[in-house]
Protein backbone atom coordinates (compact mmCIF):
# COMPACT_ATOMS: atom_id res chain seq x y z
CA MET A 1 15.50 2.32 -19.59
CA GLY A 2 12.00 0.91 -19.38
CA GLU A 3 8.67 2.69 -19.10
CA ILE A 4 8.23 1.96 -15.41
CA GLU A 5 11.66 3.40 -14.64
CA ARG A 6 10.79 6.56 -16.60
CA TYR A 7 7.56 6.86 -14.60
CA ARG A 8 9.55 6.47 -11.38
CA GLU A 9 11.89 9.27 -12.42
CA ARG A 10 8.96 11.57 -13.21
CA VAL A 11 7.31 10.81 -9.85
CA GLU A 12 10.58 11.44 -8.01
CA ALA A 13 10.92 14.80 -9.81
CA ALA A 14 7.33 15.68 -8.90
CA TRP A 15 7.99 14.70 -5.27
CA ARG A 16 10.98 17.05 -5.14
CA GLU A 17 8.79 19.82 -6.55
CA VAL A 18 6.05 19.17 -3.97
CA ALA A 19 8.66 19.29 -1.19
CA ALA A 20 9.84 22.67 -2.46
CA LEU A 21 6.38 24.24 -2.76
CA PRO A 22 6.25 27.58 -0.97
CA ARG A 23 3.60 28.03 1.71
CA LEU A 24 1.57 30.80 0.10
CA GLY A 25 -1.85 30.28 1.58
CA TRP A 26 -4.81 29.58 -0.63
CA GLY A 27 -4.58 32.59 -2.94
CA GLN A 28 -7.09 33.47 -5.59
CA PRO A 29 -8.79 31.01 -7.93
CA GLY A 30 -7.19 30.52 -11.32
CA PRO A 31 -8.93 30.81 -14.67
CA PRO A 32 -11.96 28.63 -15.38
CA ASP A 33 -11.27 25.06 -16.46
CA PRO A 34 -12.15 24.82 -20.18
CA LYS A 35 -14.17 21.62 -19.66
CA THR A 36 -15.94 22.23 -16.34
CA GLY A 37 -15.84 25.99 -15.83
CA GLU A 38 -14.60 25.42 -12.26
CA ARG A 39 -12.09 27.88 -10.81
CA TRP A 40 -9.70 26.32 -8.32
CA ASP A 41 -7.35 27.94 -5.84
CA ARG A 42 -4.38 26.24 -4.16
CA ALA A 43 -6.62 24.58 -1.54
CA ASN A 44 -8.74 22.94 -4.22
CA VAL A 45 -5.70 21.69 -6.14
CA LEU A 46 -3.92 20.35 -3.05
CA GLY A 47 -7.11 18.72 -1.77
CA HIS A 48 -7.65 17.00 -5.09
CA MET A 49 -4.05 15.81 -5.31
CA ALA A 50 -4.18 14.44 -1.75
CA GLU A 51 -7.29 12.42 -2.62
CA MET A 52 -6.55 11.30 -6.16
CA LEU A 53 -3.11 9.80 -5.54
CA PRO A 54 -4.24 7.01 -3.19
CA PHE A 55 -7.51 6.56 -5.07
CA TRP A 56 -5.95 5.89 -8.48
CA SER A 57 -3.02 3.98 -6.97
CA ASP A 58 -5.55 1.63 -5.35
CA GLN A 59 -7.37 1.26 -8.69
CA VAL A 60 -4.13 0.32 -10.47
CA ARG A 61 -3.17 -2.08 -7.67
CA ALA A 62 -6.57 -3.78 -8.00
CA ALA A 63 -6.01 -4.16 -11.74
CA LEU A 64 -2.64 -5.75 -11.04
CA GLY A 65 -4.48 -8.14 -8.74
CA GLY A 66 -6.84 -9.23 -11.51
CA GLU A 67 -9.63 -6.64 -11.68
CA THR A 68 -10.64 -6.04 -15.29
CA SER A 69 -12.32 -2.65 -14.85
CA PHE A 70 -11.66 0.51 -12.88
CA GLY A 71 -13.16 3.92 -12.29
CA ARG A 72 -14.66 6.22 -9.70
CA GLY A 73 -18.35 5.51 -9.67
CA GLU A 74 -20.80 7.72 -7.77
CA ALA A 75 -19.13 7.25 -4.37
CA GLY A 76 -15.70 7.98 -5.88
CA TYR A 77 -16.91 11.20 -7.46
CA ALA A 78 -18.47 12.28 -4.15
CA LYS A 79 -15.18 11.61 -2.34
CA ARG A 80 -13.31 13.61 -4.99
CA ARG A 81 -15.70 16.55 -4.62
CA GLY A 82 -15.46 16.41 -0.83
CA ALA A 83 -11.66 16.53 -0.97
CA ILE A 84 -11.71 19.54 -3.29
CA ASP A 85 -14.35 21.45 -1.32
CA GLY A 86 -13.09 20.51 2.16
CA ALA A 87 -9.40 21.21 1.67
CA ARG A 88 -9.34 24.47 3.66
CA GLU A 89 -10.54 22.68 6.79
CA VAL A 90 -7.75 20.10 6.44
CA GLY A 91 -5.00 22.72 6.18
CA GLU A 92 -2.02 23.13 3.89
CA ASP A 93 0.51 21.20 5.99
CA GLN A 94 -1.78 18.18 6.33
CA LEU A 95 -2.62 18.23 2.61
CA LEU A 96 1.06 18.34 1.69
CA ALA A 97 1.72 15.45 4.09
CA ARG A 98 -1.05 13.44 2.39
CA ILE A 99 0.39 14.25 -1.04
CA ASP A 100 3.81 13.18 0.21
CA SER A 101 2.32 9.89 1.40
CA GLY A 102 0.46 9.47 -1.90
CA LEU A 103 3.64 9.97 -3.92
CA ALA A 104 5.47 7.47 -1.71
CA GLY A 105 2.63 5.03 -2.32
CA LEU A 106 2.81 5.61 -6.06
CA LEU A 107 6.53 4.90 -6.05
CA GLY A 108 5.84 1.72 -4.09
CA LEU A 109 3.22 0.71 -6.63
CA LEU A 110 5.60 1.32 -9.53
CA ALA A 111 8.23 -0.79 -7.75
CA GLU A 112 5.76 -3.70 -7.85
CA MET A 113 5.18 -3.35 -11.59
CA ARG A 114 6.92 -4.59 -14.70
CA ASP A 115 6.80 -2.91 -18.10
CA GLU A 116 4.68 -5.81 -19.40
CA ASP A 117 1.96 -4.95 -16.87
CA LEU A 118 1.30 -1.70 -18.74
CA ASP A 119 -0.15 -3.66 -21.67
CA ARG A 120 -2.85 -5.31 -19.53
CA LYS A 121 -6.30 -4.54 -21.00
CA LEU A 122 -8.96 -2.93 -18.81
CA THR A 123 -12.32 -1.24 -19.05
CA TYR A 124 -12.28 2.33 -17.76
CA LEU A 125 -15.69 3.14 -16.28
CA SER A 126 -15.73 6.92 -16.62
CA ALA A 127 -18.42 9.59 -16.42
CA GLY A 128 -17.94 10.13 -20.16
CA GLY A 129 -18.63 6.49 -20.96
CA ASP A 130 -16.80 3.19 -20.72
CA GLN A 131 -13.68 2.73 -22.79
CA GLU A 132 -11.17 -0.03 -23.35
CA VAL A 133 -7.67 1.00 -22.29
CA ASP A 134 -4.47 -0.62 -21.17
CA LEU A 135 -2.99 -0.21 -17.69
CA ARG A 136 -0.66 2.41 -19.11
CA TYR A 137 -3.63 4.80 -19.31
CA PRO A 138 -4.33 5.16 -15.58
CA VAL A 139 -0.63 5.21 -14.75
CA GLU A 140 0.07 8.00 -17.25
CA GLN A 141 -3.19 9.95 -17.38
CA LEU A 142 -4.64 9.52 -13.89
CA LEU A 143 -1.47 9.34 -11.82
CA VAL A 144 1.90 10.50 -13.16
CA GLY A 145 0.74 12.97 -15.81
CA HIS A 146 -2.11 14.10 -13.56
CA VAL A 147 0.32 15.03 -10.77
CA GLU A 148 2.51 16.90 -13.23
CA ALA A 149 -0.50 18.82 -14.59
CA HIS A 150 -1.55 19.90 -11.10
CA LEU A 151 2.00 20.98 -10.26
CA ARG A 152 1.90 23.20 -13.36
CA GLN A 153 -1.41 24.54 -12.13
CA LEU A 154 0.10 25.31 -8.71
CA ARG A 155 3.00 27.16 -10.34
CA GLU A 156 0.52 29.27 -12.29
CA LEU A 157 -1.44 30.04 -9.11
CA SER A 158 1.67 31.18 -7.22
């Protein structure tokens, strides 16, 4: 089994977990993030997931199309912050529908990829400084592993 197929299996498992999430309301914020000190509740997590899935999928798709760098930039960080802060106004059902759509989009993206694509070299333009990575990095760290980490966070907030 190749890397892309393993990613697909992980995304499918995450999608099943999202579909089974109980509707608990927003709840209380969890413990502070060790890096940022932010305390997120379920609304913040769901809002972020709903925004980050299409954002990073689009970044990976652009890299597949020939872009040699990727990242959020100032506008991307503002959009991220808006999704986190504005999640309550969107509502839980709509956020879960957006996450569902984002996971479907991620599976579609992975269906377009070959294992060899993961070795493509890119420059990641991040707030912490530019770094040379391969396409595997955004797929693992910013998409698949990122979703899994936020699902763990949601379980802890339940």
